[in-house]
């Protein structure tokens, strides 16, 4: 199996360039607030650093179609990634307004909140036929992502099936645990941000290389 890689939360052209050199399939910029947020004009410059092959993902906090369409045109995005608990109708609206592929995020509780009451499958089932991809991320109150926390992957694995669309796994991934999540969930894409940083918004190129090496080694064992 081949697992694609997304480096997200990019804020510097040189980090996007390294992502491109390493063969990342996706590079991401944040439009959803927080310390990694970029203006669309700056995001265009940063993501240009990855070269023409990597697909460009914009991470949005809401399903505001006009806002996403404007940012997408300026940053020349290929994919809109929707946080903020989007509905299937939101996904279809964004696709209709922008022509982009749309990934919908399903956040999974961690720690004491990770109970049977937080079963993510109803949300996944509601979105999987509308979205081009389902992004599984850790739910941390007050934060949309980039927290460095991972969720219990067995919550998904024990359901004995995958979403009917592309599966992207995020949330606390780093060079030391990415092979394990690939072994457990067999995702199409692994999505890393804080796990390869030396400080917020600044990627560590050695850690980026280690992350890619861990993914490729896990493929050899599959």
Protein backbone atom coordinates (compact mmCIF):
# COMPACT_ATOMS: atom_id res chain seq x y z
CA UNK A 1 0.00 0.00 0.00
CA UNK A 2 1.08 3.57 -0.64
CA UNK A 3 0.38 6.18 2.03
CA UNK A 4 0.41 9.79 0.90
CA UNK A 5 1.78 12.56 3.12
CA UNK A 6 0.44 16.00 3.91
CA UNK A 7 2.56 18.63 5.64
CA UNK A 8 0.16 21.16 7.11
CA UNK A 9 0.41 24.47 8.95
CA UNK A 10 3.15 25.72 6.63
CA UNK A 11 4.17 29.32 7.17
CA UNK A 12 7.55 29.52 5.42
CA UNK A 13 8.46 29.03 1.78
CA UNK A 14 11.56 27.02 2.69
CA UNK A 15 9.45 24.53 4.65
CA UNK A 16 7.06 24.09 1.73
CA UNK A 17 10.07 23.60 -0.54
CA UNK A 18 11.37 20.84 1.73
CA UNK A 19 7.92 19.21 1.64
CA UNK A 20 8.09 19.22 -2.15
CA UNK A 21 11.61 17.82 -2.20
CA UNK A 22 10.49 15.01 0.12
CA UNK A 23 7.67 14.08 -2.23
CA UNK A 24 4.70 15.21 -0.15
CA UNK A 25 1.42 14.77 -2.00
CA UNK A 26 -0.28 17.63 -0.13
CA UNK A 27 0.81 20.91 1.46
CA UNK A 28 -1.50 22.86 3.73
CA UNK A 29 -2.05 26.42 4.86
CA UNK A 30 -4.24 27.52 7.75
CA UNK A 31 -7.06 30.05 7.33
CA UNK A 32 -8.82 28.97 10.52
CA UNK A 33 -7.10 31.20 13.09
CA UNK A 34 -4.31 30.38 15.50
CA UNK A 35 -0.55 30.94 15.38
CA UNK A 36 -0.12 29.35 11.93
CA UNK A 37 -2.80 31.38 10.15
CA UNK A 38 -1.82 33.02 6.87
CA UNK A 39 -3.47 35.60 4.67
CA UNK A 40 -4.40 34.09 1.29
CA UNK A 41 -1.77 36.17 -0.51
CA UNK A 42 0.97 34.93 1.81
CA UNK A 43 -0.34 31.37 1.59
CA UNK A 44 0.04 31.52 -2.20
CA UNK A 45 3.70 32.51 -1.80
CA UNK A 46 4.42 29.85 0.82
CA UNK A 47 2.71 27.00 -1.03
CA UNK A 48 4.44 27.96 -4.27
CA UNK A 49 7.62 26.78 -2.56
CA UNK A 50 6.45 23.16 -2.78
CA UNK A 51 6.48 23.22 -6.58
CA UNK A 52 3.76 22.17 -9.03
CA UNK A 53 3.18 18.56 -7.98
CA UNK A 54 1.89 18.79 -4.39
CA UNK A 55 -1.80 19.59 -4.11
CA UNK A 56 -2.64 22.68 -2.08
CA UNK A 57 -5.00 22.40 0.88
CA UNK A 58 -6.62 25.29 2.72
CA UNK A 59 -7.86 24.65 6.25
CA UNK A 60 -11.01 26.60 7.15
CA UNK A 61 -12.89 26.99 10.43
CA UNK A 62 -16.34 27.57 8.93
CA UNK A 63 -18.26 26.68 5.80
CA UNK A 64 -18.58 30.29 4.60
CA UNK A 65 -18.69 29.67 0.85
CA UNK A 66 -17.89 33.20 -0.41
CA UNK A 67 -14.95 33.51 2.01
CA UNK A 68 -13.56 30.11 1.02
CA UNK A 69 -14.01 30.84 -2.68
CA UNK A 70 -12.06 34.11 -2.41
CA UNK A 71 -9.24 32.55 -0.41
CA UNK A 72 -9.10 29.57 -2.75
CA UNK A 73 -8.71 31.74 -5.83
CA UNK A 74 -5.97 33.84 -4.26
CA UNK A 75 -4.02 30.93 -2.76
CA UNK A 76 -4.70 28.69 -5.80
CA UNK A 77 -6.05 25.86 -3.68
CA UNK A 78 -6.97 22.38 -4.83
CA UNK A 79 -8.76 21.22 -1.68
CA UNK A 80 -10.79 22.90 1.06
CA UNK A 81 -10.50 21.19 4.45
CA UNK A 82 -13.47 22.04 6.66
CA UNK A 83 -13.25 22.04 10.44
CA UNK A 84 -16.04 23.38 12.62
CA UNK A 85 -18.27 20.29 12.36
CA UNK A 86 -19.44 20.71 8.76
CA UNK A 87 -22.60 19.00 7.54
CA UNK A 88 -23.00 17.12 4.28
CA UNK A 89 -24.94 20.13 2.96
CA UNK A 90 -22.00 22.40 3.87
CA UNK A 91 -19.64 20.13 1.94
CA UNK A 92 -21.81 20.19 -1.17
CA UNK A 93 -22.26 23.95 -0.97
CA UNK A 94 -18.51 24.55 -0.80
CA UNK A 95 -17.87 22.24 -3.73
CA UNK A 96 -20.57 23.94 -5.80
CA UNK A 97 -19.25 27.43 -5.03
CA UNK A 98 -15.55 26.70 -5.46
CA UNK A 99 -15.11 23.68 -7.71
CA UNK A 100 -12.65 22.33 -5.15
CA UNK A 101 -12.41 18.90 -3.67
CA UNK A 102 -13.63 19.04 -0.06
CA UNK A 103 -12.29 17.20 2.96
CA UNK A 104 -14.52 17.17 6.04
CA UNK A 105 -12.97 16.91 9.49
CA UNK A 106 -14.40 14.60 12.14
CA UNK A 107 -12.87 15.31 15.52
CA UNK A 108 -12.54 12.51 18.04
CA UNK A 109 -12.41 13.19 21.76
CA UNK A 110 -9.24 12.42 23.68
CA UNK A 111 -8.59 11.75 27.35
CA UNK A 112 -11.53 11.66 29.79
CA UNK A 113 -13.95 12.82 27.07
CA UNK A 114 -13.22 9.80 24.86
CA UNK A 115 -16.23 7.75 25.93
CA UNK A 116 -18.75 5.69 24.03
CA UNK A 117 -20.94 8.80 24.00
CA UNK A 118 -18.42 10.38 21.62
CA UNK A 119 -18.72 7.65 18.96
CA UNK A 120 -17.53 9.32 15.74
CA UNK A 121 -19.22 6.95 13.32
CA UNK A 122 -22.58 8.76 13.02
CA UNK A 123 -20.66 11.87 11.88
CA UNK A 124 -18.50 9.85 9.51
CA UNK A 125 -21.53 8.13 7.99
CA UNK A 126 -23.31 11.47 7.54
CA UNK A 127 -20.33 12.90 5.63
CA UNK A 128 -18.68 10.05 3.76
CA UNK A 129 -20.91 10.15 0.67
CA UNK A 130 -20.67 13.95 0.36
CA UNK A 131 -17.01 14.60 1.09
CA UNK A 132 -14.01 13.73 -1.06
CA UNK A 133 -12.14 12.80 2.10
CA UNK A 134 -12.73 12.33 5.82
CA UNK A 135 -10.05 13.79 8.08
CA UNK A 136 -9.88 12.23 11.53
CA UNK A 137 -8.38 14.62 14.08
CA UNK A 138 -8.24 14.91 17.85
CA UNK A 139 -10.93 16.99 19.55
CA UNK A 140 -9.44 19.47 22.01
CA UNK A 141 -11.92 22.03 23.39
CA UNK A 142 -11.30 25.52 22.04
CA UNK A 143 -8.84 24.39 19.34
CA UNK A 144 -9.43 23.21 15.80
CA UNK A 145 -6.14 21.37 15.23
CA UNK A 146 -2.37 21.50 15.48
CA UNK A 147 -2.56 20.56 19.15
CA UNK A 148 -0.06 17.70 19.07
CA UNK A 149 -2.60 15.39 20.72
CA UNK A 150 -3.62 12.08 19.23
CA UNK A 151 -6.88 10.19 19.61
CA UNK A 152 -7.38 6.50 20.35
CA UNK A 153 -7.00 4.94 16.89
CA UNK A 154 -8.71 1.75 18.07
CA UNK A 155 -12.00 3.70 18.23
CA UNK A 156 -11.95 3.64 14.45
CA UNK A 157 -10.18 0.33 13.89
CA UNK A 158 -12.68 -1.70 15.90
CA UNK A 159 -15.56 -0.63 13.65
CA UNK A 160 -14.17 -3.13 11.10
CA UNK A 161 -14.70 -0.90 8.09
CA UNK A 162 -13.34 2.30 6.56
CA UNK A 163 -15.17 5.36 5.28
CA UNK A 164 -16.33 4.99 1.69
CA UNK A 165 -14.11 7.88 0.70
CA UNK A 166 -10.47 8.89 1.15
CA UNK A 167 -9.30 8.52 4.75
CA UNK A 168 -6.89 11.12 6.14
CA UNK A 169 -5.54 10.78 9.67
CA UNK A 170 -4.22 13.75 11.65
CA UNK A 171 -3.86 14.59 15.32
CA UNK A 172 -0.58 14.23 17.15
CA UNK A 173 1.32 12.39 14.44
CA UNK A 174 5.10 12.50 14.51
CA UNK A 175 8.06 10.42 13.28
CA UNK A 176 7.83 8.00 16.19
CA UNK A 177 4.12 7.10 16.00
CA UNK A 178 3.15 7.45 12.34
CA UNK A 179 4.10 3.86 11.51
CA UNK A 180 1.75 2.63 14.24
CA UNK A 181 -1.24 4.57 12.91
CA UNK A 182 -0.55 3.23 9.42
CA UNK A 183 -0.45 -0.32 10.81
CA UNK A 184 -3.76 0.17 12.66
CA UNK A 185 -5.85 2.25 10.24
CA UNK A 186 -4.26 1.93 6.80
CA UNK A 187 -5.08 5.56 5.96
CA UNK A 188 -4.78 6.96 2.46
CA UNK A 189 -3.07 10.08 3.82
CA UNK A 190 -1.20 10.94 7.02
CA UNK A 191 -1.35 14.62 7.98
CA UNK A 192 1.34 16.19 10.17
CA UNK A 193 1.85 19.72 11.48
CA UNK A 194 3.13 20.26 15.02
CA UNK A 195 4.81 16.85 15.08
CA UNK A 196 7.56 18.07 12.74
CA UNK A 197 8.00 21.56 14.18
CA UNK A 198 10.78 23.06 16.26
CA UNK A 199 8.44 25.90 17.23
CA UNK A 200 4.93 26.81 16.20
CA UNK A 201 4.77 27.40 12.49
CA UNK A 202 8.44 26.58 11.92
CA UNK A 203 9.15 23.12 10.55
CA UNK A 204 12.23 21.13 11.50
CA UNK A 205 13.56 19.68 8.25
CA UNK A 206 15.29 16.79 9.97
CA UNK A 207 11.99 15.80 11.59
CA UNK A 208 10.22 16.16 8.24
CA UNK A 209 12.71 13.76 6.70
CA UNK A 210 12.33 11.36 9.63
CA UNK A 211 8.55 11.44 9.24
CA UNK A 212 8.75 10.56 5.55
CA UNK A 213 11.26 7.78 6.26
CA UNK A 214 8.96 6.29 8.91
CA UNK A 215 6.01 6.31 6.49
CA UNK A 216 8.02 4.62 3.74
CA UNK A 217 9.42 2.00 6.12
CA UNK A 218 5.88 1.16 7.28
CA UNK A 219 4.86 0.64 3.64
CA UNK A 220 7.63 -1.89 3.26
CA UNK A 221 6.17 -3.93 6.11
CA UNK A 222 2.61 -3.86 4.78
